[in-house]
Amino acid sequence: MPAQLLIASIAQFFELYMILLVVRILLTWFQTFNWANQVASFLSPITDPYLNIFRSFIPPLGGLDFSPIIAIFVLQIVSELFTSAARSLVSPF
């Protein structure tokens, strides 16, 4: 089924994107290493537009940015919705 393949591909994309987000967030802790800056500069244009959506309405509290936690949580929910939709297309019971 083409619809099943499309939904499964989108679910896989969300899971991959979540991994990129986690790597990007973890690299902010290692800014003193040159290799971390190179990887972060590659990931920033990919991940920051999505993170900026949440940063626009979740201000940092006490110098800590909690918006990535909410961003990952929302992405996890959307990914699960697509995964369950793909499963329901495979077996309707």
PDB file of N, CA and C in Angstrom:
ATOM      1  N   MET A   1       0.830  -1.193   0.000  1.00  0.00           N
ATOM      2  CA  MET A   1       0.000   0.000   0.000  1.00  0.00           C
ATOM      3  C   MET A   1       0.872   1.253   0.000  1.00  0.00           C
ATOM      4  N   PRO A   2       0.630   2.167  -0.891  1.00  0.00           N
ATOM      5  CA  PRO A   2       1.417   3.402  -0.918  1.00  0.00           C
ATOM      6  C   PRO A   2       1.187   4.279   0.315  1.00  0.00           C
ATOM      7  N   ALA A   3      -0.040   4.299   0.838  1.00  0.00           N
ATOM      8  CA  ALA A   3      -0.324   5.126   2.017  1.00  0.00           C
ATOM      9  C   ALA A   3       0.445   4.611   3.226  1.00  0.00           C
ATOM     10  N   GLN A   4       0.498   3.302   3.365  1.00  0.00           N
ATOM     11  CA  GLN A   4       1.235   2.705   4.477  1.00  0.00           C
ATOM     12  C   GLN A   4       2.713   3.035   4.387  1.00  0.00           C
ATOM     13  N   LEU A   5       3.275   2.953   3.201  1.00  0.00           N
ATOM     14  CA  LEU A   5       4.688   3.273   3.003  1.00  0.00           C
ATOM     15  C   LEU A   5       4.969   4.735   3.318  1.00  0.00           C
ATOM     16  N   LEU A   6       4.082   5.624   2.892  1.00  0.00           N
ATOM     17  CA  LEU A   6       4.253   7.042   3.161  1.00  0.00           C
ATOM     18  C   LEU A   6       4.206   7.332   4.660  1.00  0.00           C
ATOM     19  N   ILE A   7       3.229   6.762   5.352  1.00  0.00           N
ATOM     20  CA  ILE A   7       3.090   7.003   6.793  1.00  0.00           C
ATOM     21  C   ILE A   7       4.276   6.409   7.547  1.00  0.00           C
ATOM     22  N   ALA A   8       4.713   5.228   7.155  1.00  0.00           N
ATOM     23  CA  ALA A   8       5.874   4.621   7.810  1.00  0.00           C
ATOM     24  C   ALA A   8       7.141   5.436   7.559  1.00  0.00           C
ATOM     25  N   SER A   9       7.278   5.996   6.363  1.00  0.00           N
ATOM     26  CA  SER A   9       8.446   6.832   6.053  1.00  0.00           C
ATOM     27  C   SER A   9       8.441   8.116   6.876  1.00  0.00           C
ATOM     28  N   ILE A  10       7.281   8.709   7.027  1.00  0.00           N
ATOM     29  CA  ILE A  10       7.174   9.923   7.837  1.00  0.00           C
ATOM     30  C   ILE A  10       7.498   9.612   9.294  1.00  0.00           C
ATOM     31  N   ALA A  11       7.010   8.489   9.796  1.00  0.00           N
ATOM     32  CA  ALA A  11       7.314   8.096  11.177  1.00  0.00           C
ATOM     33  C   ALA A  11       8.816   7.890  11.357  1.00  0.00           C
ATOM     34  N   GLN A  12       9.476   7.265  10.396  1.00  0.00           N
ATOM     35  CA  GLN A  12      10.925   7.069  10.469  1.00  0.00           C
ATOM     36  C   GLN A  12      11.668   8.399  10.417  1.00  0.00           C
ATOM     37  N   PHE A  13      11.167   9.324   9.599  1.00  0.00           N
ATOM     38  CA  PHE A  13      11.779  10.650   9.532  1.00  0.00           C
ATOM     39  C   PHE A  13      11.711  11.343  10.891  1.00  0.00           C
ATOM     40  N   PHE A  14      10.558  11.260  11.549  1.00  0.00           N
ATOM     41  CA  PHE A  14      10.411  11.894  12.866  1.00  0.00           C
ATOM     42  C   PHE A  14      11.365  11.280  13.886  1.00  0.00           C
ATOM     43  N   GLU A  15      11.543   9.964  13.832  1.00  0.00           N
ATOM     44  CA  GLU A  15      12.464   9.314  14.753  1.00  0.00           C
ATOM     45  C   GLU A  15      13.908   9.736  14.489  1.00  0.00           C
ATOM     46  N   LEU A  16      14.283   9.826  13.225  1.00  0.00           N
ATOM     47  CA  LEU A  16      15.624  10.292  12.879  1.00  0.00           C
ATOM     48  C   LEU A  16      15.827  11.747  13.304  1.00  0.00           C
ATOM     49  N   TYR A  17      14.820  12.564  13.075  1.00  0.00           N
ATOM     50  CA  TYR A  17      14.917  13.974  13.448  1.00  0.00           C
ATOM     51  C   TYR A  17      15.044  14.123  14.966  1.00  0.00           C
ATOM     52  N   MET A  18      14.379  13.250  15.706  1.00  0.00           N
ATOM     53  CA  MET A  18      14.491  13.295  17.157  1.00  0.00           C
ATOM     54  C   MET A  18      15.916  12.978  17.606  1.00  0.00           C
ATOM     55  N   ILE A  19      16.550  12.041  16.938  1.00  0.00           N
ATOM     56  CA  ILE A  19      17.940  11.724  17.258  1.00  0.00           C
ATOM     57  C   ILE A  19      18.837  12.925  16.972  1.00  0.00           C
ATOM     58  N   LEU A  20      18.607  13.590  15.841  1.00  0.00           N
ATOM     59  CA  LEU A  20      19.381  14.794  15.519  1.00  0.00           C
ATOM     60  C   LEU A  20      19.175  15.879  16.568  1.00  0.00           C
ATOM     61  N   LEU A  21      17.943  16.033  17.052  1.00  0.00           N
ATOM     62  CA  LEU A  21      17.670  17.022  18.103  1.00  0.00           C
ATOM     63  C   LEU A  21      18.433  16.704  19.383  1.00  0.00           C
ATOM     64  N   VAL A  22      18.409  15.446  19.778  1.00  0.00           N
ATOM     65  CA  VAL A  22      19.103  15.054  21.011  1.00  0.00           C
ATOM     66  C   VAL A  22      20.601  15.279  20.865  1.00  0.00           C
ATOM     67  N   VAL A  23      21.167  14.924  19.725  1.00  0.00           N
ATOM     68  CA  VAL A  23      22.605  15.148  19.505  1.00  0.00           C
ATOM     69  C   VAL A  23      22.913  16.638  19.552  1.00  0.00           C
ATOM     70  N   ARG A  24      22.100  17.437  18.908  1.00  0.00           N
ATOM     71  CA  ARG A  24      22.310  18.897  18.896  1.00  0.00           C
ATOM     72  C   ARG A  24      22.248  19.472  20.306  1.00  0.00           C
ATOM     73  N   ILE A  25      21.295  19.012  21.087  1.00  0.00           N
ATOM     74  CA  ILE A  25      21.143  19.505  22.458  1.00  0.00           C
ATOM     75  C   ILE A  25      22.327  19.080  23.316  1.00  0.00           C
ATOM     76  N   LEU A  26      22.760  17.836  23.177  1.00  0.00           N
ATOM     77  CA  LEU A  26      23.909  17.365  23.951  1.00  0.00           C
ATOM     78  C   LEU A  26      25.193  18.099  23.571  1.00  0.00           C
ATOM     79  N   LEU A  27      25.320  18.470  22.307  1.00  0.00           N
ATOM     80  CA  LEU A  27      26.529  19.171  21.872  1.00  0.00           C
ATOM     81  C   LEU A  27      26.632  20.572  22.461  1.00  0.00           C
ATOM     82  N   THR A  28      25.531  21.141  22.909  1.00  0.00           N
ATOM     83  CA  THR A  28      25.615  22.461  23.544  1.00  0.00           C
ATOM     84  C   THR A  28      26.371  22.391  24.861  1.00  0.00           C
ATOM     85  N   TRP A  29      26.490  21.206  25.437  1.00  0.00           N
ATOM     86  CA  TRP A  29      27.245  21.045  26.679  1.00  0.00           C
ATOM     87  C   TRP A  29      28.744  20.944  26.432  1.00  0.00           C
ATOM     88  N   PHE A  30      29.164  20.681  25.196  1.00  0.00           N
ATOM     89  CA  PHE A  30      30.575  20.473  24.868  1.00  0.00           C
ATOM     90  C   PHE A  30      31.078  21.528  23.890  1.00  0.00           C
ATOM     91  N   GLN A  31      30.788  22.772  24.141  1.00  0.00           N
ATOM     92  CA  GLN A  31      31.154  23.835  23.214  1.00  0.00           C
ATOM     93  C   GLN A  31      32.650  24.115  23.183  1.00  0.00           C
ATOM     94  N   THR A  32      33.391  23.636  24.150  1.00  0.00           N
ATOM     95  CA  THR A  32      34.825  23.914  24.176  1.00  0.00           C
ATOM     96  C   THR A  32      35.614  23.008  23.228  1.00  0.00           C
ATOM     97  N   PHE A  33      35.019  21.905  22.811  1.00  0.00           N
ATOM     98  CA  PHE A  33      35.700  20.992  21.892  1.00  0.00           C
ATOM     99  C   PHE A  33      35.472  21.434  20.455  1.00  0.00           C
ATOM    100  N   ASN A  34      36.533  21.442  19.669  1.00  0.00           N
ATOM    101  CA  ASN A  34      36.455  21.896  18.284  1.00  0.00           C
ATOM    102  C   ASN A  34      35.539  20.999  17.449  1.00  0.00           C
ATOM    103  N   TRP A  35      35.632  19.688  17.643  1.00  0.00           N
ATOM    104  CA  TRP A  35      34.798  18.763  16.874  1.00  0.00           C
ATOM    105  C   TRP A  35      33.322  18.960  17.178  1.00  0.00           C
ATOM    106  N   ALA A  36      32.996  19.317  18.416  1.00  0.00           N
ATOM    107  CA  ALA A  36      31.593  19.544  18.788  1.00  0.00           C
ATOM    108  C   ALA A  36      31.047  20.770  18.073  1.00  0.00           C
ATOM    109  N   ASN A  37      31.872  21.794  17.930  1.00  0.00           N
ATOM    110  CA  ASN A  37      31.434  22.992  17.219  1.00  0.00           C
ATOM    111  C   ASN A  37      31.177  22.703  15.747  1.00  0.00           C
ATOM    112  N   GLN A  38      32.001  21.855  15.151  1.00  0.00           N
ATOM    113  CA  GLN A  38      31.806  21.519  13.744  1.00  0.00           C
ATOM    114  C   GLN A  38      30.515  20.742  13.525  1.00  0.00           C
ATOM    115  N   VAL A  39      30.228  19.793  14.389  1.00  0.00           N
ATOM    116  CA  VAL A  39      29.001  19.009  14.264  1.00  0.00           C
ATOM    117  C   VAL A  39      27.788  19.884  14.568  1.00  0.00           C
ATOM    118  N   ALA A  40      27.897  20.717  15.596  1.00  0.00           N
ATOM    119  CA  ALA A  40      26.783  21.601  15.958  1.00  0.00           C
ATOM    120  C   ALA A  40      26.500  22.606  14.854  1.00  0.00           C
ATOM    121  N   SER A  41      27.533  23.101  14.203  1.00  0.00           N
ATOM    122  CA  SER A  41      27.304  24.053  13.114  1.00  0.00           C
ATOM    123  C   SER A  41      26.634  23.371  11.916  1.00  0.00           C
ATOM    124  N   PHE A  42      26.839  22.078  11.763  1.00  0.00           N
ATOM    125  CA  PHE A  42      26.145  21.333  10.708  1.00  0.00           C
ATOM    126  C   PHE A  42      24.684  21.078  11.085  1.00  0.00           C
ATOM    127  N   LEU A  43      24.435  20.771  12.367  1.00  0.00           N
ATOM    128  CA  LEU A  43      23.083  20.437  12.813  1.00  0.00           C
ATOM    129  C   LEU A  43      22.203  21.659  13.083  1.00  0.00           C
ATOM    130  N   SER A  44      22.809  22.793  13.375  1.00  0.00           N
ATOM    131  CA  SER A  44      22.030  23.985  13.729  1.00  0.00           C
ATOM    132  C   SER A  44      21.020  24.395  12.658  1.00  0.00           C
ATOM    133  N   PRO A  45      21.377  24.482  11.397  1.00  0.00           N
ATOM    134  CA  PRO A  45      20.374  24.881  10.397  1.00  0.00           C
ATOM    135  C   PRO A  45      19.252  23.854  10.227  1.00  0.00           C
ATOM    136  N   ILE A  46      19.519  22.619  10.621  1.00  0.00           N
ATOM    137  CA  ILE A  46      18.513  21.564  10.489  1.00  0.00           C
ATOM    138  C   ILE A  46      17.556  21.562  11.680  1.00  0.00           C
ATOM    139  N   THR A  47      18.087  21.770  12.877  1.00  0.00           N
ATOM    140  CA  THR A  47      17.275  21.621  14.085  1.00  0.00           C
ATOM    141  C   THR A  47      16.762  22.932  14.671  1.00  0.00           C
ATOM    142  N   ASP A  48      17.496  24.017  14.489  1.00  0.00           N
ATOM    143  CA  ASP A  48      17.105  25.270  15.136  1.00  0.00           C
ATOM    144  C   ASP A  48      15.762  25.837  14.672  1.00  0.00           C
ATOM    145  N   PRO A  49      15.373  25.708  13.404  1.00  0.00           N
ATOM    146  CA  PRO A  49      14.038  26.225  13.051  1.00  0.00           C
ATOM    147  C   PRO A  49      12.919  25.570  13.855  1.00  0.00           C
ATOM    148  N   TYR A  50      13.016  24.269  14.081  1.00  0.00           N
ATOM    149  CA  TYR A  50      11.997  23.590  14.893  1.00  0.00           C
ATOM    150  C   TYR A  50      12.101  24.014  16.350  1.00  0.00           C
ATOM    151  N   LEU A  51      13.312  24.089  16.894  1.00  0.00           N
ATOM    152  CA  LEU A  51      13.480  24.488  18.290  1.00  0.00           C
ATOM    153  C   LEU A  51      13.053  25.935  18.515  1.00  0.00           C
ATOM    154  N   ASN A  52      13.262  26.794  17.527  1.00  0.00           N
ATOM    155  CA  ASN A  52      12.886  28.207  17.674  1.00  0.00           C
ATOM    156  C   ASN A  52      11.380  28.402  17.806  1.00  0.00           C
ATOM    157  N   ILE A  53      10.601  27.477  17.268  1.00  0.00           N
ATOM    158  CA  ILE A  53       9.150  27.551  17.452  1.00  0.00           C
ATOM    159  C   ILE A  53       8.821  27.509  18.941  1.00  0.00           C
ATOM    160  N   PHE A  54       9.471  26.642  19.671  1.00  0.00           N
ATOM    161  CA  PHE A  54       9.195  26.493  21.098  1.00  0.00           C
ATOM    162  C   PHE A  54       9.913  27.549  21.923  1.00  0.00           C
ATOM    163  N   ARG A  55      11.059  27.994  21.470  1.00  0.00           N
ATOM    164  CA  ARG A  55      11.776  29.059  22.186  1.00  0.00           C
ATOM    165  C   ARG A  55      11.022  30.379  22.143  1.00  0.00           C
ATOM    166  N   SER A  56      10.169  30.550  21.126  1.00  0.00           N
ATOM    167  CA  SER A  56       9.446  31.816  20.998  1.00  0.00           C
ATOM    168  C   SER A  56       8.393  31.995  22.081  1.00  0.00           C
ATOM    169  N   PHE A  57       7.875  30.896  22.643  1.00  0.00           N
ATOM    170  CA  PHE A  57       6.857  31.071  23.685  1.00  0.00           C
ATOM    171  C   PHE A  57       7.219  30.412  25.013  1.00  0.00           C
ATOM    172  N   ILE A  58       8.392  29.794  25.114  1.00  0.00           N
ATOM    173  CA  ILE A  58       8.865  29.243  26.386  1.00  0.00           C
ATOM    174  C   ILE A  58      10.173  29.946  26.729  1.00  0.00           C
ATOM    175  N   PRO A  59      10.125  30.945  27.606  1.00  0.00           N
ATOM    176  CA  PRO A  59      11.357  31.677  27.931  1.00  0.00           C
ATOM    177  C   PRO A  59      12.275  30.836  28.828  1.00  0.00           C
ATOM    178  N   PRO A  60      13.574  31.098  28.764  1.00  0.00           N
ATOM    179  CA  PRO A  60      14.494  30.397  29.671  1.00  0.00           C
ATOM    180  C   PRO A  60      14.199  30.764  31.125  1.00  0.00           C
ATOM    181  N   LEU A  61      14.249  29.779  31.986  1.00  0.00           N
ATOM    182  CA  LEU A  61      13.999  29.991  33.409  1.00  0.00           C
ATOM    183  C   LEU A  61      15.298  29.782  34.166  1.00  0.00           C
ATOM    184  N   GLY A  62      15.770  30.814  34.813  1.00  0.00           N
ATOM    185  CA  GLY A  62      17.011  30.719  35.570  1.00  0.00           C
ATOM    186  C   GLY A  62      18.214  30.390  34.702  1.00  0.00           C
ATOM    187  N   GLY A  63      18.204  30.824  33.458  1.00  0.00           N
ATOM    188  CA  GLY A  63      19.312  30.562  32.558  1.00  0.00           C
ATOM    189  C   GLY A  63      19.241  29.202  31.869  1.00  0.00           C
ATOM    190  N   LEU A  64      18.217  28.413  32.175  1.00  0.00           N
ATOM    191  CA  LEU A  64      18.061  27.099  31.545  1.00  0.00           C
ATOM    192  C   LEU A  64      16.954  27.154  30.501  1.00  0.00           C
ATOM    193  N   ASP A  65      17.239  26.581  29.341  1.00  0.00           N
ATOM    194  CA  ASP A  65      16.285  26.564  28.236  1.00  0.00           C
ATOM    195  C   ASP A  65      15.538  25.233  28.262  1.00  0.00           C
ATOM    196  N   PHE A  66      14.263  25.268  28.643  1.00  0.00           N
ATOM    197  CA  PHE A  66      13.450  24.064  28.718  1.00  0.00           C
ATOM    198  C   PHE A  66      12.676  23.793  27.438  1.00  0.00           C
ATOM    199  N   SER A  67      12.795  24.652  26.455  1.00  0.00           N
ATOM    200  CA  SER A  67      12.041  24.471  25.217  1.00  0.00           C
ATOM    201  C   SER A  67      12.423  23.196  24.459  1.00  0.00           C
ATOM    202  N   PRO A  68      13.693  22.737  24.481  1.00  0.00           N
ATOM    203  CA  PRO A  68      13.987  21.474  23.791  1.00  0.00           C
ATOM    204  C   PRO A  68      13.248  20.270  24.384  1.00  0.00           C
ATOM    205  N   ILE A  69      12.986  20.304  25.681  1.00  0.00           N
ATOM    206  CA  ILE A  69      12.256  19.199  26.301  1.00  0.00           C
ATOM    207  C   ILE A  69      10.842  19.134  25.742  1.00  0.00           C
ATOM    208  N   ILE A  70      10.193  20.289  25.654  1.00  0.00           N
ATOM    209  CA  ILE A  70       8.843  20.353  25.107  1.00  0.00           C
ATOM    210  C   ILE A  70       8.865  19.983  23.622  1.00  0.00           C
ATOM    211  N   ALA A  71       9.871  20.448  22.895  1.00  0.00           N
ATOM    212  CA  ALA A  71       9.981  20.157  21.463  1.00  0.00           C
ATOM    213  C   ALA A  71      10.130  18.655  21.223  1.00  0.00           C
ATOM    214  N   ILE A  72      10.944  17.988  22.008  1.00  0.00           N
ATOM    215  CA  ILE A  72      11.118  16.544  21.869  1.00  0.00           C
ATOM    216  C   ILE A  72       9.835  15.820  22.259  1.00  0.00           C
ATOM    217  N   PHE A  73       9.177  16.286  23.306  1.00  0.00           N
ATOM    218  CA  PHE A  73       7.925  15.678  23.738  1.00  0.00           C
ATOM    219  C   PHE A  73       6.866  15.757  22.638  1.00  0.00           C
ATOM    220  N   VAL A  74       6.718  16.914  22.013  1.00  0.00           N
ATOM    221  CA  VAL A  74       5.743  17.083  20.925  1.00  0.00           C
ATOM    222  C   VAL A  74       6.116  16.203  19.734  1.00  0.00           C
ATOM    223  N   LEU A  75       7.395  16.161  19.390  1.00  0.00           N
ATOM    224  CA  LEU A  75       7.832  15.335  18.272  1.00  0.00           C
ATOM    225  C   LEU A  75       7.598  13.854  18.561  1.00  0.00           C
ATOM    226  N   GLN A  76       7.784  13.445  19.803  1.00  0.00           N
ATOM    227  CA  GLN A  76       7.540  12.052  20.194  1.00  0.00           C
ATOM    228  C   GLN A  76       6.062  11.704  20.035  1.00  0.00           C
ATOM    229  N   ILE A  77       5.177  12.607  20.431  1.00  0.00           N
ATOM    230  CA  ILE A  77       3.742  12.365  20.290  1.00  0.00           C
ATOM    231  C   ILE A  77       3.364  12.239  18.815  1.00  0.00           C
ATOM    232  N   VAL A  78       3.841  13.142  17.988  1.00  0.00           N
ATOM    233  CA  VAL A  78       3.520  13.099  16.555  1.00  0.00           C
ATOM    234  C   VAL A  78       4.080  11.827  15.925  1.00  0.00           C
ATOM    235  N   SER A  79       5.283  11.441  16.305  1.00  0.00           N
ATOM    236  CA  SER A  79       5.889  10.219  15.780  1.00  0.00           C
ATOM    237  C   SER A  79       5.062   8.993  16.170  1.00  0.00           C
ATOM    238  N   GLU A  80       4.601   8.952  17.408  1.00  0.00           N
ATOM    239  CA  GLU A  80       3.771   7.825  17.852  1.00  0.00           C
ATOM    240  C   GLU A  80       2.444   7.783  17.111  1.00  0.00           C
ATOM    241  N   LEU A  81       1.881   8.937  16.816  1.00  0.00           N
ATOM    242  CA  LEU A  81       0.636   8.969  16.048  1.00  0.00           C
ATOM    243  C   LEU A  81       0.825   8.380  14.661  1.00  0.00           C
ATOM    244  N   PHE A  82       1.922   8.751  14.015  1.00  0.00           N
ATOM    245  CA  PHE A  82       2.199   8.198  12.687  1.00  0.00           C
ATOM    246  C   PHE A  82       2.517   6.705  12.758  1.00  0.00           C
ATOM    247  N   THR A  83       3.235   6.277  13.784  1.00  0.00           N
ATOM    248  CA  THR A  83       3.556   4.861  13.932  1.00  0.00           C
ATOM    249  C   THR A  83       2.297   4.038  14.161  1.00  0.00           C
ATOM    250  N   SER A  84       1.416   4.523  15.015  1.00  0.00           N
ATOM    251  CA  SER A  84       0.168   3.790  15.256  1.00  0.00           C
ATOM    252  C   SER A  84      -0.722   3.802  14.022  1.00  0.00           C
ATOM    253  N   ALA A  85      -0.698   4.875  13.258  1.00  0.00           N
ATOM    254  CA  ALA A  85      -1.478   4.917  12.010  1.00  0.00           C
ATOM    255  C   ALA A  85      -0.935   3.909  11.010  1.00  0.00           C
ATOM    256  N   ALA A  86       0.380   3.782  10.933  1.00  0.00           N
ATOM    257  CA  ALA A  86       0.979   2.800  10.016  1.00  0.00           C
ATOM    258  C   ALA A  86       0.621   1.381  10.449  1.00  0.00           C
ATOM    259  N   ARG A  87       0.613   1.133  11.761  1.00  0.00           N
ATOM    260  CA  ARG A  87       0.254  -0.200  12.254  1.00  0.00           C
ATOM    261  C   ARG A  87      -1.220  -0.507  11.977  1.00  0.00           C
ATOM    262  N   SER A  88      -2.075   0.492  12.125  1.00  0.00           N
ATOM    263  CA  SER A  88      -3.496   0.245  11.907  1.00  0.00           C
ATOM    264  C   SER A  88      -3.795  -0.026  10.433  1.00  0.00           C
ATOM    265  N   LEU A  89      -2.975   0.495   9.534  1.00  0.00           N
ATOM    266  CA  LEU A  89      -3.172   0.183   8.125  1.00  0.00           C
ATOM    267  C   LEU A  89      -2.752  -1.234   7.789  1.00  0.00           C
ATOM    268  N   VAL A  90      -1.797  -1.755   8.547  1.00  0.00           N
ATOM    269  CA  VAL A  90      -1.322  -3.122   8.299  1.00  0.00           C
ATOM    270  C   VAL A  90      -2.354  -4.131   8.782  1.00  0.00           C
ATOM    271  N   SER A  91      -2.778  -3.973  10.027  1.00  0.00           N
ATOM    272  CA  SER A  91      -3.788  -4.897  10.560  1.00  0.00           C
ATOM    273  C   SER A  91      -4.901  -4.072  11.213  1.00  0.00           C
ATOM    274  N   PRO A  92      -6.065  -4.050  10.638  1.00  0.00           N
ATOM    275  CA  PRO A  92      -7.140  -3.213  11.166  1.00  0.00           C
ATOM    276  C   PRO A  92      -7.728  -3.747  12.472  1.00  0.00           C
ATOM    277  N   PHE A  93      -7.314  -4.925  12.948  1.00  0.00           N
ATOM    278  CA  PHE A  93      -7.880  -5.470  14.187  1.00  0.00           C
ATOM    279  C   PHE A  93      -6.871  -5.489  15.283  1.00  0.00           C
TER     280      PHE A  93
END
